[in-house]
PDB file of N, CA and C in Angstrom:
ATOM      1  N   MET A   1      20.629 -14.472  20.673  1.00  0.00           N
ATOM      2  CA  MET A   1      22.158 -14.824  21.395  1.00  0.00           C
ATOM      3  C   MET A   1      22.665 -16.196  20.613  1.00  0.00           C
ATOM      4  N   LEU A   2      21.360 -17.257  20.415  1.00  0.00           N
ATOM      5  CA  LEU A   2      21.976 -18.542  19.950  1.00  0.00           C
ATOM      6  C   LEU A   2      22.622 -17.838  18.893  1.00  0.00           C
ATOM      7  N   ASP A   3      22.081 -17.320  17.765  1.00  0.00           N
ATOM      8  CA  ASP A   3      22.611 -17.074  16.481  1.00  0.00           C
ATOM      9  C   ASP A   3      23.943 -16.922  16.398  1.00  0.00           C
ATOM     10  N   PHE A   4      24.161 -16.070  17.187  1.00  0.00           N
ATOM     11  CA  PHE A   4      25.543 -15.554  17.448  1.00  0.00           C
ATOM     12  C   PHE A   4      26.253 -16.348  17.760  1.00  0.00           C
ATOM     13  N   MET A   5      25.991 -17.092  18.720  1.00  0.00           N
ATOM     14  CA  MET A   5      26.817 -18.383  19.003  1.00  0.00           C
ATOM     15  C   MET A   5      26.985 -19.295  17.597  1.00  0.00           C
ATOM     16  N   ARG A   6      26.014 -19.220  17.380  1.00  0.00           N
ATOM     17  CA  ARG A   6      26.165 -20.116  15.991  1.00  0.00           C
ATOM     18  C   ARG A   6      26.804 -19.647  14.785  1.00  0.00           C
ATOM     19  N   LYS A   7      26.846 -18.244  14.606  1.00  0.00           N
ATOM     20  CA  LYS A   7      27.787 -17.691  14.097  1.00  0.00           C
ATOM     21  C   LYS A   7      29.326 -17.482  14.522  1.00  0.00           C
ATOM     22  N   TYR A   8      29.606 -17.467  15.547  1.00  0.00           N
ATOM     23  CA  TYR A   8      30.817 -17.597  16.243  1.00  0.00           C
ATOM     24  C   TYR A   8      31.533 -18.977  16.107  1.00  0.00           C
ATOM     25  N   LEU A   9      30.674 -20.072  16.268  1.00  0.00           N
ATOM     26  CA  LEU A   9      31.156 -21.412  15.972  1.00  0.00           C
ATOM     27  C   LEU A   9      31.510 -21.515  13.945  1.00  0.00           C
ATOM     28  N   THR A  10      30.651 -20.788  13.475  1.00  0.00           N
ATOM     29  CA  THR A  10      30.933 -21.336  11.982  1.00  0.00           C
ATOM     30  C   THR A  10      31.599 -20.476  11.392  1.00  0.00           C
ATOM     31  N   GLU A  11      31.975 -19.260  11.992  1.00  0.00           N
ATOM     32  CA  GLU A  11      32.643 -17.945  11.140  1.00  0.00           C
ATOM     33  C   GLU A  11      33.766 -17.969  11.892  1.00  0.00           C
ATOM     34  N   SER A  12      33.983 -17.682  12.913  1.00  0.00           N
ATOM     35  CA  SER A  12      35.170 -17.399  13.719  1.00  0.00           C
ATOM     36  C   SER A  12      36.130 -18.231  14.494  1.00  0.00           C
ATOM     37  N   ALA A  13      35.367 -19.376  14.895  1.00  0.00           N
ATOM     38  CA  ALA A  13      35.874 -20.109  15.941  1.00  0.00           C
ATOM     39  C   ALA A  13      36.682 -21.123  14.946  1.00  0.00           C
ATOM     40  N   ALA A  14      36.198 -21.784  14.133  1.00  0.00           N
ATOM     41  CA  ALA A  14      36.033 -22.423  13.176  1.00  0.00           C
ATOM     42  C   ALA A  14      37.891 -22.415  12.381  1.00  0.00           C
ATOM     43  N   PRO A  15      37.542 -21.313  11.550  1.00  0.00           N
ATOM     44  CA  PRO A  15      38.754 -20.974  11.058  1.00  0.00           C
ATOM     45  C   PRO A  15      40.280 -20.737  11.858  1.00  0.00           C
ATOM     46  N   VAL A  16      39.788 -19.860  12.964  1.00  0.00           N
ATOM     47  CA  VAL A  16      41.092 -19.987  13.894  1.00  0.00           C
ATOM     48  C   VAL A  16      41.315 -21.311  14.484  1.00  0.00           C
ATOM     49  N   TYR A  17      40.441 -22.186  14.824  1.00  0.00           N
ATOM     50  CA  TYR A  17      40.986 -23.571  15.160  1.00  0.00           C
ATOM     51  C   TYR A  17      41.622 -23.796  13.871  1.00  0.00           C
ATOM     52  N   ARG A  18      41.181 -23.977  13.009  1.00  0.00           N
ATOM     53  CA  ARG A  18      42.085 -24.753  11.605  1.00  0.00           C
ATOM     54  C   ARG A  18      43.296 -24.301  11.454  1.00  0.00           C
ATOM     55  N   ALA A  19      43.600 -22.535  11.265  1.00  0.00           N
ATOM     56  CA  ALA A  19      44.707 -22.124  11.476  1.00  0.00           C
ATOM     57  C   ALA A  19      45.652 -22.586  12.352  1.00  0.00           C
ATOM     58  N   TRP A  20      45.052 -22.342  13.944  1.00  0.00           N
ATOM     59  CA  TRP A  20      46.119 -22.699  14.866  1.00  0.00           C
ATOM     60  C   TRP A  20      46.371 -24.493  14.324  1.00  0.00           C
ATOM     61  N   THR A  21      45.433 -25.656  14.367  1.00  0.00           N
ATOM     62  CA  THR A  21      46.269 -26.656  13.656  1.00  0.00           C
ATOM     63  C   THR A  21      46.943 -26.797  12.811  1.00  0.00           C
ATOM     64  N   ASP A  22      46.604 -26.222  11.708  1.00  0.00           N
ATOM     65  CA  ASP A  22      47.220 -26.355  10.761  1.00  0.00           C
ATOM     66  C   ASP A  22      49.023 -25.486  11.038  1.00  0.00           C
ATOM     67  N   SER A  23      49.012 -24.534  11.870  1.00  0.00           N
ATOM     68  CA  SER A  23      50.733 -24.191  12.232  1.00  0.00           C
ATOM     69  C   SER A  23      50.918 -25.327  12.700  1.00  0.00           C
ATOM     70  N   TYR A  24      50.376 -25.812  13.857  1.00  0.00           N
ATOM     71  CA  TYR A  24      50.762 -26.319  14.898  1.00  0.00           C
ATOM     72  C   TYR A  24      51.531 -27.711  14.062  1.00  0.00           C
ATOM     73  N   LEU A  25      50.487 -27.909  12.723  1.00  0.00           N
ATOM     74  CA  LEU A  25      51.399 -29.381  12.257  1.00  0.00           C
ATOM     75  C   LEU A  25      52.378 -28.893  11.345  1.00  0.00           C
ATOM     76  N   HIS A  26      52.172 -27.501  10.674  1.00  0.00           N
ATOM     77  CA  HIS A  26      53.580 -27.154  10.052  1.00  0.00           C
ATOM     78  C   HIS A  26      54.764 -27.046  10.656  1.00  0.00           C
ATOM     79  N   ALA A  27      54.123 -25.998  11.881  1.00  0.00           N
ATOM     80  CA  ALA A  27      55.698 -26.403  13.252  1.00  0.00           C
ATOM     81  C   ALA A  27      56.166 -27.778  13.511  1.00  0.00           C
ATOM     82  N   TRP A  28      55.114 -28.703  13.632  1.00  0.00           N
ATOM     83  CA  TRP A  28      55.858 -29.918  13.798  1.00  0.00           C
ATOM     84  C   TRP A  28      56.613 -30.903  12.624  1.00  0.00           C
ATOM     85  N   LEU A  29      55.753 -31.025  11.689  1.00  0.00           N
ATOM     86  CA  LEU A  29      56.679 -30.765  10.291  1.00  0.00           C
ATOM     87  C   LEU A  29      57.555 -29.958  10.066  1.00  0.00           C
ATOM     88  N   ALA A  30      57.906 -28.977  10.237  1.00  0.00           N
ATOM     89  CA  ALA A  30      59.726 -28.220  10.102  1.00  0.00           C
ATOM     90  C   ALA A  30      60.441 -28.969  11.339  1.00  0.00           C
ATOM     91  N   ALA A  31      59.743 -29.149  12.338  1.00  0.00           N
ATOM     92  CA  ALA A  31      60.856 -29.651  13.494  1.00  0.00           C
ATOM     93  C   ALA A  31      61.729 -30.689  12.859  1.00  0.00           C
ATOM     94  N   ARG A  32      61.381 -31.529  12.062  1.00  0.00           N
ATOM     95  CA  ARG A  32      61.751 -33.149  11.204  1.00  0.00           C
ATOM     96  C   ARG A  32      61.761 -33.109  10.120  1.00  0.00           C
ATOM     97  N   GLY A  33      62.139 -31.201   9.238  1.00  0.00           N
ATOM     98  CA  GLY A  33      62.579 -31.365   8.384  1.00  0.00           C
ATOM     99  C   GLY A  33      61.547 -31.383   7.276  1.00  0.00           C
ATOM    100  N   LEU A  34      60.737 -31.621   7.107  1.00  0.00           N
ATOM    101  CA  LEU A  34      59.395 -32.333   6.523  1.00  0.00           C
ATOM    102  C   LEU A  34      58.497 -31.585   5.585  1.00  0.00           C
ATOM    103  N   ALA A  35      58.400 -30.217   6.369  1.00  0.00           N
ATOM    104  CA  ALA A  35      57.456 -29.108   6.356  1.00  0.00           C
ATOM    105  C   ALA A  35      58.408 -28.185   4.633  1.00  0.00           C
ATOM    106  N   ARG A  36      57.073 -27.916   3.750  1.00  0.00           N
ATOM    107  CA  ARG A  36      57.003 -26.859   2.446  1.00  0.00           C
ATOM    108  C   ARG A  36      57.227 -25.415   3.399  1.00  0.00           C
ATOM    109  N   PRO A  37      57.580 -24.489   2.839  1.00  0.00           N
ATOM    110  CA  PRO A  37      57.515 -23.338   2.942  1.00  0.00           C
ATOM    111  C   PRO A  37      56.360 -22.740   3.735  1.00  0.00           C
ATOM    112  N   ALA A  38      56.095 -21.813   4.732  1.00  0.00           N
ATOM    113  CA  ALA A  38      55.014 -21.793   5.160  1.00  0.00           C
ATOM    114  C   ALA A  38      53.897 -20.645   4.228  1.00  0.00           C
ATOM    115  N   CYS A  39      52.751 -21.492   4.336  1.00  0.00           N
ATOM    116  CA  CYS A  39      51.755 -20.772   3.415  1.00  0.00           C
ATOM    117  C   CYS A  39      50.668 -21.321   3.768  1.00  0.00           C
ATOM    118  N   PRO A  40      49.631 -20.747   4.294  1.00  0.00           N
ATOM    119  CA  PRO A  40      48.265 -20.739   4.299  1.00  0.00           C
ATOM    120  C   PRO A  40      47.672 -21.692   3.406  1.00  0.00           C
ATOM    121  N   PRO A  41      47.162 -22.929   4.592  1.00  0.00           N
ATOM    122  CA  PRO A  41      46.274 -23.664   3.537  1.00  0.00           C
ATOM    123  C   PRO A  41      45.286 -23.635   2.389  1.00  0.00           C
ATOM    124  N   TYR A  42      44.960 -22.446   3.239  1.00  0.00           N
ATOM    125  CA  TYR A  42      43.288 -22.267   2.203  1.00  0.00           C
ATOM    126  C   TYR A  42      43.633 -20.530   2.187  1.00  0.00           C
ATOM    127  N   THR A  43      42.843 -19.785   1.111  1.00  0.00           N
ATOM    128  CA  THR A  43      42.915 -18.527   1.189  1.00  0.00           C
ATOM    129  C   THR A  43      42.273 -17.781   2.129  1.00  0.00           C
ATOM    130  N   SER A  44      41.520 -18.145   2.309  1.00  0.00           N
ATOM    131  CA  SER A  44      40.586 -17.379   4.025  1.00  0.00           C
ATOM    132  C   SER A  44      41.179 -17.395   5.113  1.00  0.00           C
ATOM    133  N   TYR A  45      42.162 -18.241   5.124  1.00  0.00           N
ATOM    134  CA  TYR A  45      42.871 -18.581   6.507  1.00  0.00           C
ATOM    135  C   TYR A  45      44.149 -17.097   6.263  1.00  0.00           C
ATOM    136  N   PRO A  46      44.443 -16.729   8.139  1.00  0.00           N
ATOM    137  CA  PRO A  46      45.755 -15.947   7.831  1.00  0.00           C
ATOM    138  C   PRO A  46      46.745 -17.113   7.762  1.00  0.00           C
ATOM    139  N   PRO A  47      47.983 -16.437   7.499  1.00  0.00           N
ATOM    140  CA  PRO A  47      49.203 -17.490   7.325  1.00  0.00           C
ATOM    141  C   PRO A  47      49.521 -17.854   8.360  1.00  0.00           C
ATOM    142  N   ALA A  48      50.328 -19.296   8.435  1.00  0.00           N
ATOM    143  CA  ALA A  48      50.850 -19.728   9.403  1.00  0.00           C
ATOM    144  C   ALA A  48      51.309 -18.855  10.576  1.00  0.00           C
ATOM    145  N   GLU A  49      52.387 -17.452  10.298  1.00  0.00           N
ATOM    146  CA  GLU A  49      53.031 -16.930  11.505  1.00  0.00           C
ATOM    147  C   GLU A  49      51.975 -16.318  12.298  1.00  0.00           C
ATOM    148  N   GLN A  50      50.918 -16.086  11.539  1.00  0.00           N
ATOM    149  CA  GLN A  50      49.962 -14.873  12.400  1.00  0.00           C
ATOM    150  C   GLN A  50      48.888 -16.030  12.760  1.00  0.00           C
ATOM    151  N   ALA A  51      48.611 -16.948  12.492  1.00  0.00           N
ATOM    152  CA  ALA A  51      48.396 -18.124  13.172  1.00  0.00           C
ATOM    153  C   ALA A  51      48.900 -18.578  14.299  1.00  0.00           C
ATOM    154  N   VAL A  52      50.352 -18.457  14.598  1.00  0.00           N
ATOM    155  CA  VAL A  52      50.561 -18.940  15.905  1.00  0.00           C
ATOM    156  C   VAL A  52      50.148 -17.705  17.032  1.00  0.00           C
ATOM    157  N   ASP A  53      49.840 -16.686  16.927  1.00  0.00           N
ATOM    158  CA  ASP A  53      49.165 -15.662  18.189  1.00  0.00           C
ATOM    159  C   ASP A  53      47.542 -15.721  18.233  1.00  0.00           C
ATOM    160  N   ALA A  54      46.772 -16.768  16.850  1.00  0.00           N
ATOM    161  CA  ALA A  54      45.502 -16.777  17.331  1.00  0.00           C
ATOM    162  C   ALA A  54      45.560 -17.766  18.642  1.00  0.00           C
ATOM    163  N   PRO A  55      44.263 -17.242  19.379  1.00  0.00           N
ATOM    164  CA  PRO A  55      43.888 -18.197  20.328  1.00  0.00           C
ATOM    165  C   PRO A  55      43.980 -19.736  20.055  1.00  0.00           C
ATOM    166  N   THR A  56      44.187 -20.307  21.393  1.00  0.00           N
ATOM    167  CA  THR A  56      44.127 -21.407  21.270  1.00  0.00           C
ATOM    168  C   THR A  56      43.006 -22.711  21.480  1.00  0.00           C
ATOM    169  N   PRO A  57      42.223 -23.744  21.007  1.00  0.00           N
ATOM    170  CA  PRO A  57      41.259 -24.605  21.181  1.00  0.00           C
ATOM    171  C   PRO A  57      40.583 -24.455  22.758  1.00  0.00           C
ATOM    172  N   ALA A  58      41.764 -24.238  23.451  1.00  0.00           N
ATOM    173  CA  ALA A  58      41.431 -24.278  25.140  1.00  0.00           C
ATOM    174  C   ALA A  58      40.952 -23.067  25.243  1.00  0.00           C
ATOM    175  N   VAL A  59      41.436 -22.034  24.526  1.00  0.00           N
ATOM    176  CA  VAL A  59      40.517 -20.335  25.585  1.00  0.00           C
ATOM    177  C   VAL A  59      39.410 -20.634  24.660  1.00  0.00           C
ATOM    178  N   ASP A  60      38.861 -21.247  23.364  1.00  0.00           N
ATOM    179  CA  ASP A  60      37.726 -20.793  22.511  1.00  0.00           C
ATOM    180  C   ASP A  60      36.677 -22.169  23.399  1.00  0.00           C
ATOM    181  N   TYR A  61      36.896 -22.611  24.073  1.00  0.00           N
ATOM    182  CA  TYR A  61      36.502 -23.830  24.641  1.00  0.00           C
ATOM    183  C   TYR A  61      35.987 -22.777  25.915  1.00  0.00           C
ATOM    184  N   VAL A  62      36.818 -22.340  26.396  1.00  0.00           N
ATOM    185  CA  VAL A  62      36.408 -21.552  27.648  1.00  0.00           C
ATOM    186  C   VAL A  62      35.382 -20.538  27.174  1.00  0.00           C
ATOM    187  N   ARG A  63      36.042 -19.697  26.524  1.00  0.00           N
ATOM    188  CA  ARG A  63      35.114 -18.705  26.190  1.00  0.00           C
ATOM    189  C   ARG A  63      33.679 -19.131  25.828  1.00  0.00           C
ATOM    190  N   MET A  64      33.701 -20.377  24.723  1.00  0.00           N
ATOM    191  CA  MET A  64      32.090 -20.805  24.968  1.00  0.00           C
ATOM    192  C   MET A  64      31.532 -21.395  26.012  1.00  0.00           C
ATOM    193  N   HIS A  65      32.183 -22.440  27.133  1.00  0.00           N
ATOM    194  CA  HIS A  65      31.370 -22.345  28.303  1.00  0.00           C
ATOM    195  C   HIS A  65      31.078 -20.961  28.869  1.00  0.00           C
ATOM    196  N   GLU A  66      31.887 -20.165  28.968  1.00  0.00           N
ATOM    197  CA  GLU A  66      31.736 -19.020  29.397  1.00  0.00           C
ATOM    198  C   GLU A  66      30.040 -18.039  29.242  1.00  0.00           C
ATOM    199  N   LEU A  67      30.342 -18.343  27.497  1.00  0.00           N
ATOM    200  CA  LEU A  67      28.919 -17.968  26.518  1.00  0.00           C
ATOM    201  C   LEU A  67      27.671 -18.700  27.187  1.00  0.00           C
ATOM    202  N   GLU A  68      27.870 -20.092  26.933  1.00  0.00           N
ATOM    203  CA  GLU A  68      26.616 -21.035  27.703  1.00  0.00           C
ATOM    204  C   GLU A  68      26.666 -20.895  28.907  1.00  0.00           C
ATOM    205  N   LEU A  69      27.325 -20.624  29.346  1.00  0.00           N
ATOM    206  CA  LEU A  69      27.202 -20.161  31.519  1.00  0.00           C
ATOM    207  C   LEU A  69      26.130 -18.642  31.276  1.00  0.00           C
ATOM    208  N   GLN A  70      26.581 -17.903  30.530  1.00  0.00           N
ATOM    209  CA  GLN A  70      25.970 -16.291  30.407  1.00  0.00           C
ATOM    210  C   GLN A  70      24.223 -16.536  29.573  1.00  0.00           C
ATOM    211  N   LEU A  71      24.157 -17.334  29.400  1.00  0.00           N
ATOM    212  CA  LEU A  71      23.404 -18.244  28.185  1.00  0.00           C
ATOM    213  C   LEU A  71      21.892 -18.517  29.061  1.00  0.00           C
ATOM    214  N   ARG A  72      22.458 -19.262  30.190  1.00  0.00           N
ATOM    215  CA  ARG A  72      21.722 -20.257  30.628  1.00  0.00           C
ATOM    216  C   ARG A  72      20.838 -19.175  32.002  1.00  0.00           C
ATOM    217  N   GLU A  73      22.150 -18.788  32.276  1.00  0.00           N
ATOM    218  CA  GLU A  73      21.739 -17.660  33.698  1.00  0.00           C
ATOM    219  C   GLU A  73      21.094 -16.238  32.879  1.00  0.00           C
ATOM    220  N   GLU A  74      21.178 -15.824  31.900  1.00  0.00           N
ATOM    221  CA  GLU A  74      19.640 -14.962  31.430  1.00  0.00           C
ATOM    222  C   GLU A  74      18.425 -15.724  31.526  1.00  0.00           C
ATOM    223  N   ALA A  75      18.829 -17.328  30.418  1.00  0.00           N
ATOM    224  CA  ALA A  75      17.268 -17.959  30.443  1.00  0.00           C
ATOM    225  C   ALA A  75      16.669 -17.918  31.735  1.00  0.00           C
ATOM    226  N   GLN A  76      17.212 -18.185  32.573  1.00  0.00           N
ATOM    227  CA  GLN A  76      16.610 -18.294  34.493  1.00  0.00           C
ATOM    228  C   GLN A  76      16.427 -17.113  34.597  1.00  0.00           C
ATOM    229  N   GLN A  77      16.709 -16.135  34.579  1.00  0.00           N
ATOM    230  CA  GLN A  77      16.474 -14.824  34.728  1.00  0.00           C
ATOM    231  C   GLN A  77      15.575 -14.627  34.394  1.00  0.00           C
ATOM    232  N   GLU A  78      15.062 -14.895  32.961  1.00  0.00           N
ATOM    233  CA  GLU A  78      13.708 -14.118  32.176  1.00  0.00           C
ATOM    234  C   GLU A  78      12.494 -15.351  32.511  1.00  0.00           C
ATOM    235  N   ALA A  79      13.090 -16.590  33.308  1.00  0.00           N
ATOM    236  CA  ALA A  79      12.025 -17.255  33.523  1.00  0.00           C
ATOM    237  C   ALA A  79      11.535 -17.073  35.222  1.00  0.00           C
ATOM    238  N   PHE A  80      12.745 -16.410  35.865  1.00  0.00           N
ATOM    239  CA  PHE A  80      12.073 -15.899  36.977  1.00  0.00           C
ATOM    240  C   PHE A  80      11.054 -14.859  37.407  1.00  0.00           C
ATOM    241  N   LEU A  81      11.474 -13.540  35.714  1.00  0.00           N
ATOM    242  CA  LEU A  81      11.068 -12.480  35.590  1.00  0.00           C
ATOM    243  C   LEU A  81       9.427 -12.873  35.025  1.00  0.00           C
ATOM    244  N   GLU A  82       9.721 -13.631  34.072  1.00  0.00           N
ATOM    245  CA  GLU A  82       8.248 -14.533  34.235  1.00  0.00           C
ATOM    246  C   GLU A  82       7.187 -14.341  34.880  1.00  0.00           C
ATOM    247  N   SER A  83       7.677 -15.612  35.806  1.00  0.00           N
ATOM    248  CA  SER A  83       6.959 -16.122  36.933  1.00  0.00           C
ATOM    249  C   SER A  83       6.757 -14.822  37.807  1.00  0.00           C
ATOM    250  N   ASP A  84       7.520 -13.940  37.916  1.00  0.00           N
ATOM    251  CA  ASP A  84       6.929 -13.026  39.033  1.00  0.00           C
ATOM    252  C   ASP A  84       5.897 -12.184  38.545  1.00  0.00           C
ATOM    253  N   MET A  85       5.962 -11.748  37.113  1.00  0.00           N
ATOM    254  CA  MET A  85       4.939 -11.241  36.142  1.00  0.00           C
ATOM    255  C   MET A  85       3.716 -11.910  36.478  1.00  0.00           C
ATOM    256  N   LYS A  86       4.165 -12.953  36.396  1.00  0.00           N
ATOM    257  CA  LYS A  86       2.197 -13.985  36.501  1.00  0.00           C
ATOM    258  C   LYS A  86       1.353 -13.557  37.783  1.00  0.00           C
ATOM    259  N   VAL A  87       2.709 -13.788  39.063  1.00  0.00           N
ATOM    260  CA  VAL A  87       2.532 -13.085  40.419  1.00  0.00           C
ATOM    261  C   VAL A  87       1.602 -12.008  40.219  1.00  0.00           C
ATOM    262  N   LEU A  88       2.213 -11.013  39.769  1.00  0.00           N
ATOM    263  CA  LEU A  88       2.009  -9.853  40.071  1.00  0.00           C
ATOM    264  C   LEU A  88       0.487  -9.391  39.159  1.00  0.00           C
ATOM    265  N   ARG A  89       0.764  -9.886  38.232  1.00  0.00           N
ATOM    266  CA  ARG A  89      -0.666  -9.943  37.274  1.00  0.00           C
ATOM    267  C   ARG A  89      -1.657 -10.490  38.559  1.00  0.00           C
ATOM    268  N   ALA A  90      -1.750 -11.829  38.814  1.00  0.00           N
ATOM    269  CA  ALA A  90      -2.856 -12.583  39.584  1.00  0.00           C
ATOM    270  C   ALA A  90      -3.246 -11.153  40.932  1.00  0.00           C
ATOM    271  N   PHE A  91      -1.739 -11.007  41.383  1.00  0.00           N
ATOM    272  CA  PHE A  91      -2.070  -9.776  42.101  1.00  0.00           C
ATOM    273  C   PHE A  91      -2.970  -8.857  42.280  1.00  0.00           C
ATOM    274  N   VAL A  92      -2.917  -8.224  40.945  1.00  0.00           N
ATOM    275  CA  VAL A  92      -3.250  -6.878  40.627  1.00  0.00           C
ATOM    276  C   VAL A  92      -5.124  -7.565  40.341  1.00  0.00           C
ATOM    277  N   VAL A  93      -5.308  -8.705  39.585  1.00  0.00           N
ATOM    278  CA  VAL A  93      -6.376  -8.999  39.406  1.00  0.00           C
ATOM    279  C   VAL A  93      -7.664  -9.010  40.739  1.00  0.00           C
ATOM    280  N   LEU A  94      -6.850  -9.789  41.377  1.00  0.00           N
ATOM    281  CA  LEU A  94      -7.423 -10.047  42.960  1.00  0.00           C
ATOM    282  C   LEU A  94      -7.717  -8.613  43.655  1.00  0.00           C
ATOM    283  N   MET A  95      -6.616  -7.433  43.641  1.00  0.00           N
ATOM    284  CA  MET A  95      -6.821  -6.614  44.081  1.00  0.00           C
ATOM    285  C   MET A  95      -7.720  -5.639  43.451  1.00  0.00           C
ATOM    286  N   TYR A  96      -7.963  -5.714  42.116  1.00  0.00           N
ATOM    287  CA  TYR A  96      -8.931  -5.188  41.388  1.00  0.00           C
ATOM    288  C   TYR A  96     -10.255  -5.722  42.065  1.00  0.00           C
ATOM    289  N   THR A  97     -10.292  -6.970  42.429  1.00  0.00           N
ATOM    290  CA  THR A  97     -11.726  -7.937  42.291  1.00  0.00           C
ATOM    291  C   THR A  97     -12.637  -7.353  43.684  1.00  0.00           C
ATOM    292  N   PHE A  98     -11.063  -7.430  44.503  1.00  0.00           N
ATOM    293  CA  PHE A  98     -11.811  -6.816  45.865  1.00  0.00           C
ATOM    294  C   PHE A  98     -11.955  -5.279  45.759  1.00  0.00           C
ATOM    295  N   LEU A  99     -11.648  -4.225  44.810  1.00  0.00           N
ATOM    296  CA  LEU A  99     -12.173  -2.997  44.848  1.00  0.00           C
ATOM    297  C   LEU A  99     -13.419  -2.839  44.256  1.00  0.00           C
ATOM    298  N   ILE A 100     -13.139  -3.684  43.386  1.00  0.00           N
ATOM    299  CA  ILE A 100     -14.843  -3.800  42.755  1.00  0.00           C
ATOM    300  C   ILE A 100     -16.145  -4.119  43.770  1.00  0.00           C
ATOM    301  N   ASN A 101     -15.550  -5.011  44.116  1.00  0.00           N
ATOM    302  CA  ASN A 101     -16.553  -5.569  45.335  1.00  0.00           C
ATOM    303  C   ASN A 101     -16.987  -4.998  46.558  1.00  0.00           C
ATOM    304  N   TRP A 102     -16.340  -4.518  46.834  1.00  0.00           N
ATOM    305  CA  TRP A 102     -15.871  -3.672  47.955  1.00  0.00           C
ATOM    306  C   TRP A 102     -16.897  -2.045  47.309  1.00  0.00           C
ATOM    307  N   LEU A 103     -16.515  -1.317  45.744  1.00  0.00           N
ATOM    308  CA  LEU A 103     -17.492  -0.126  45.735  1.00  0.00           C
ATOM    309  C   LEU A 103     -19.028  -0.857  45.372  1.00  0.00           C
ATOM    310  N   PHE A 104     -18.941  -1.788  45.012  1.00  0.00           N
ATOM    311  CA  PHE A 104     -20.497  -2.461  45.008  1.00  0.00           C
ATOM    312  C   PHE A 104     -21.527  -2.418  46.132  1.00  0.00           C
ATOM    313  N   CYS A 105     -20.613  -3.032  47.383  1.00  0.00           N
ATOM    314  CA  CYS A 105     -20.786  -3.310  48.700  1.00  0.00           C
ATOM    315  C   CYS A 105     -21.551  -1.500  49.169  1.00  0.00           C
ATOM    316  N   LEU A 106     -20.535  -0.700  48.973  1.00  0.00           N
ATOM    317  CA  LEU A 106     -20.241   0.832  49.185  1.00  0.00           C
ATOM    318  C   LEU A 106     -21.705   1.389  48.540  1.00  0.00           C
ATOM    319  N   ALA A 107     -22.001   1.032  47.263  1.00  0.00           N
ATOM    320  CA  ALA A 107     -23.364   1.635  46.937  1.00  0.00           C
ATOM    321  C   ALA A 107     -24.237   1.212  47.344  1.00  0.00           C
ATOM    322  N   PHE A 108     -24.492  -0.164  47.613  1.00  0.00           N
ATOM    323  CA  PHE A 108     -25.214  -0.552  47.989  1.00  0.00           C
ATOM    324  C   PHE A 108     -25.845  -0.133  49.228  1.00  0.00           C
ATOM    325  N   LEU A 109     -24.556  -0.360  50.574  1.00  0.00           N
ATOM    326  CA  LEU A 109     -25.288   0.338  51.750  1.00  0.00           C
ATOM    327  C   LEU A 109     -25.641   1.911  51.081  1.00  0.00           C
ATOM    328  N   VAL A 110     -25.092   2.872  50.871  1.00  0.00           N
ATOM    329  CA  VAL A 110     -25.498   4.331  50.671  1.00  0.00           C
ATOM    330  C   VAL A 110     -27.006   3.869  49.915  1.00  0.00           C
ATOM    331  N   TYR A 111     -27.159   3.105  48.994  1.00  0.00           N
ATOM    332  CA  TYR A 111     -28.759   3.242  48.032  1.00  0.00           C
ATOM    333  C   TYR A 111     -29.855   2.410  49.328  1.00  0.00           C
ATOM    334  N   ASP A 112     -28.938   1.970  50.480  1.00  0.00           N
ATOM    335  CA  ASP A 112     -29.936   1.133  51.493  1.00  0.00           C
ATOM    336  C   ASP A 112     -30.594   2.537  52.372  1.00  0.00           C
ATOM    337  N   ARG A 113     -29.364   3.045  52.389  1.00  0.00           N
ATOM    338  CA  ARG A 113     -29.413   4.375  53.093  1.00  0.00           C
ATOM    339  C   ARG A 113     -30.528   5.076  53.087  1.00  0.00           C
ATOM    340  N   LEU A 114     -29.981   5.727  51.726  1.00  0.00           N
ATOM    341  CA  LEU A 114     -30.944   6.756  51.243  1.00  0.00           C
ATOM    342  C   LEU A 114     -32.494   5.890  50.768  1.00  0.00           C
ATOM    343  N   MET A 115     -32.530   4.725  50.945  1.00  0.00           N
ATOM    344  CA  MET A 115     -34.175   3.965  50.878  1.00  0.00           C
ATOM    345  C   MET A 115     -34.973   4.245  52.388  1.00  0.00           C
ATOM    346  N   ARG A 116     -33.737   4.174  53.157  1.00  0.00           N
ATOM    347  CA  ARG A 116     -34.452   3.983  54.620  1.00  0.00           C
ATOM    348  C   ARG A 116     -34.808   5.414  55.097  1.00  0.00           C
ATOM    349  N   ILE A 117     -33.810   6.409  54.777  1.00  0.00           N
ATOM    350  CA  ILE A 117     -34.442   7.685  54.581  1.00  0.00           C
ATOM    351  C   ILE A 117     -36.002   8.478  54.056  1.00  0.00           C
ATOM    352  N   LYS A 118     -35.976   7.920  52.947  1.00  0.00           N
ATOM    353  CA  LYS A 118     -37.220   8.119  51.929  1.00  0.00           C
ATOM    354  C   LYS A 118     -38.058   7.081  52.705  1.00  0.00           C
ATOM    355  N   ASN A 119     -38.471   5.984  53.192  1.00  0.00           N
ATOM    356  CA  ASN A 119     -39.485   5.495  53.516  1.00  0.00           C
ATOM    357  C   ASN A 119     -39.346   6.019  55.167  1.00  0.00           C
ATOM    358  N   SER A 120     -38.492   6.829  55.943  1.00  0.00           N
ATOM    359  CA  SER A 120     -39.045   7.088  57.060  1.00  0.00           C
ATOM    360  C   SER A 120     -39.555   8.381  57.035  1.00  0.00           C
ATOM    361  N   SER A 121     -39.328   9.430  56.382  1.00  0.00           N
ATOM    362  CA  SER A 121     -40.041  10.723  56.484  1.00  0.00           C
ATOM    363  C   SER A 121     -41.520  10.743  55.410  1.00  0.00           C
ATOM    364  N   VAL A 122     -41.918   9.545  54.963  1.00  0.00           N
ATOM    365  CA  VAL A 122     -42.911   9.528  54.680  1.00  0.00           C
ATOM    366  C   VAL A 122     -44.125   9.364  55.897  1.00  0.00           C
TER     367      VAL A 122
END
């Protein structure tokens, strides 16, 4: 999930943010009569007309904050599951220990009973 966030920040959000700021700057310059014709500053970015519809940096911040909260929640759930599994494993080991102990006691009682029957008949 962290790789997805890094990829999102480096490949998706940054170009959108740059395109948004470039289109905003272009609009500001155009309002003052200082702008050149609208053209993308970099060939890989969308043209300024398309960049106006792109999400604003505040929207990207909200998305990233939601992703961060989701990652934290998933990490907490995984930590709780790991601790629950440790408790469950300890409980299972304890139950097996008691079961084996009980079986040895039962075997000893059966052996003792058989020895008493054997000794009493002689």
